[in-house]
Amino acid sequence: MVGPDRVQVYVAVGFVDMRKSIDGLSMLVAERFALDPFGGHMFAFSNRRRTVVKVLYWDRNGFCLWQKRLERERFRWPESREQVLRIEQRELRWLLEGLEIHQGNAHTSRRYSVIY
């Protein structure tokens, strides 16, 4: 499910009605978050109980919707005053594994550019 490094991941901080499918979630991305659902980026949503996560993304010629449902545990969904958070792909993997997105001991990402 994880794509190239240039793919951005956005997490909807509040809860979403999990009856929403591709059309409803893509409209939510466009209207409430003012983001482009066709940009190839990933958009993650969770239900109120934090037992279900859906990830929506556009893949060349159609939408993909990926879902994970926990049987006993809960996702450690981030809290913020923002409606949507931009996170890294590794932080999405952490969420799906049951970890927090802010790991105190994790190495920070470094981005370098060539200067000519």
Protein backbone atom coordinates (compact mmCIF):
# COMPACT_ATOMS: atom_id res chain seq x y z
CA MET A 1 0.00 0.00 0.00
CA VAL A 2 2.83 2.40 0.69
CA GLY A 3 3.90 4.31 -2.40
CA PRO A 4 6.87 6.34 -3.56
CA ASP A 5 8.47 8.88 -1.22
CA ARG A 6 6.81 11.79 -3.00
CA VAL A 7 3.36 10.55 -1.95
CA GLN A 8 2.05 12.63 0.93
CA VAL A 9 -0.16 11.18 3.65
CA TYR A 10 -3.00 13.14 5.21
CA VAL A 11 -4.85 12.00 8.34
CA ALA A 12 -8.37 13.19 9.07
CA VAL A 13 -8.08 13.95 12.78
CA GLY A 14 -11.74 13.60 13.76
CA PHE A 15 -13.88 10.57 13.16
CA VAL A 16 -15.63 9.72 9.92
CA ASP A 17 -18.78 7.71 9.26
CA MET A 18 -17.31 4.43 8.01
CA ARG A 19 -20.36 3.84 5.82
CA LYS A 20 -18.77 6.35 3.44
CA SER A 21 -17.14 4.73 0.47
CA ILE A 22 -14.94 6.10 -2.31
CA ASP A 23 -17.32 8.81 -3.50
CA GLY A 24 -18.15 10.10 -0.03
CA LEU A 25 -14.55 10.09 1.18
CA SER A 26 -13.22 11.77 -1.98
CA MET A 27 -15.87 14.50 -1.62
CA LEU A 28 -14.82 14.96 2.01
CA VAL A 29 -11.19 15.39 0.93
CA ALA A 30 -12.10 17.96 -1.72
CA GLU A 31 -14.75 19.93 0.15
CA ARG A 32 -13.83 19.86 3.85
CA PHE A 33 -10.04 19.64 3.58
CA ALA A 34 -9.65 21.58 0.29
CA LEU A 35 -7.20 18.96 -1.03
CA ASP A 36 -7.06 17.22 -4.41
CA PRO A 37 -8.22 13.60 -4.10
CA PHE A 38 -6.84 12.88 -7.60
CA GLY A 39 -3.28 13.93 -6.69
CA GLY A 40 -2.11 10.40 -5.83
CA HIS A 41 -1.72 11.19 -2.13
CA MET A 42 -3.09 9.02 0.67
CA PHE A 43 -5.95 10.10 2.92
CA ALA A 44 -6.52 8.16 6.15
CA PHE A 45 -9.77 8.15 8.11
CA SER A 46 -10.90 6.45 11.31
CA ASN A 47 -14.21 5.76 12.99
CA ARG A 48 -15.30 7.12 16.38
CA ARG A 49 -14.21 3.99 18.29
CA ARG A 50 -10.80 3.96 16.54
CA THR A 51 -11.19 0.34 15.48
CA VAL A 52 -11.35 0.93 11.72
CA VAL A 53 -9.05 2.83 9.37
CA LYS A 54 -9.72 3.50 5.70
CA VAL A 55 -7.05 4.83 3.36
CA LEU A 56 -8.13 6.40 0.07
CA TYR A 57 -5.80 7.19 -2.82
CA TRP A 58 -5.88 7.72 -6.58
CA ASP A 59 -3.84 5.22 -8.59
CA ARG A 60 -3.36 6.32 -12.24
CA ASN A 61 -6.86 5.51 -13.50
CA GLY A 62 -9.03 4.91 -10.46
CA PHE A 63 -9.47 5.20 -6.73
CA CYS A 64 -8.23 2.59 -4.29
CA LEU A 65 -9.78 2.14 -0.88
CA TRP A 66 -7.90 0.13 1.70
CA GLN A 67 -9.40 -0.82 5.07
CA LYS A 68 -8.08 -2.31 8.29
CA ARG A 69 -10.38 -3.37 11.14
CA LEU A 70 -9.04 -4.30 14.55
CA GLU A 71 -10.72 -7.08 16.46
CA ARG A 72 -9.62 -6.18 20.01
CA GLU A 73 -7.35 -3.12 20.09
CA ARG A 74 -7.75 0.53 19.12
CA PHE A 75 -5.69 2.74 16.83
CA ARG A 76 -3.75 5.51 18.54
CA TRP A 77 -5.22 8.20 16.34
CA PRO A 78 -3.58 11.64 16.54
CA GLU A 79 -5.35 14.57 18.14
CA SER A 80 -4.97 18.11 16.88
CA ARG A 81 -6.86 21.35 16.48
CA GLU A 82 -6.41 20.94 12.73
CA GLN A 83 -8.95 18.95 10.71
CA VAL A 84 -6.25 17.18 8.77
CA LEU A 85 -2.59 16.42 9.53
CA ARG A 86 0.14 15.79 7.01
CA ILE A 87 2.33 12.92 8.16
CA GLU A 88 5.06 10.76 6.68
CA GLN A 89 4.49 7.28 5.29
CA ARG A 90 6.44 5.72 8.13
CA GLU A 91 4.11 7.43 10.60
CA LEU A 92 1.13 5.90 8.79
CA ARG A 93 2.79 2.49 9.13
CA TRP A 94 3.26 3.19 12.84
CA LEU A 95 -0.43 4.06 13.20
CA LEU A 96 -1.46 0.85 11.47
CA GLU A 97 0.84 -1.13 13.78
CA GLY A 98 -0.76 0.40 16.87
CA LEU A 99 1.93 2.98 17.65
CA GLU A 100 1.76 6.74 18.09
CA ILE A 101 2.81 8.90 15.15
CA HIS A 102 5.19 10.82 17.42
CA GLN A 103 7.85 8.36 18.50
CA GLY A 104 10.29 10.05 20.86
CA ASN A 105 13.18 7.75 19.97
CA ALA A 106 12.64 7.71 16.21
CA HIS A 107 15.24 9.18 13.89
CA THR A 108 14.13 12.39 12.25
CA SER A 109 13.98 12.64 8.48
CA ARG A 110 16.68 14.61 6.73
CA ARG A 111 16.24 16.15 3.32
CA TYR A 112 19.23 17.44 1.41
CA SER A 113 19.55 19.16 -1.89
CA VAL A 114 22.50 19.60 -4.17
CA ILE A 115 23.94 23.09 -4.39
CA TYR A 116 25.67 23.95 -7.65
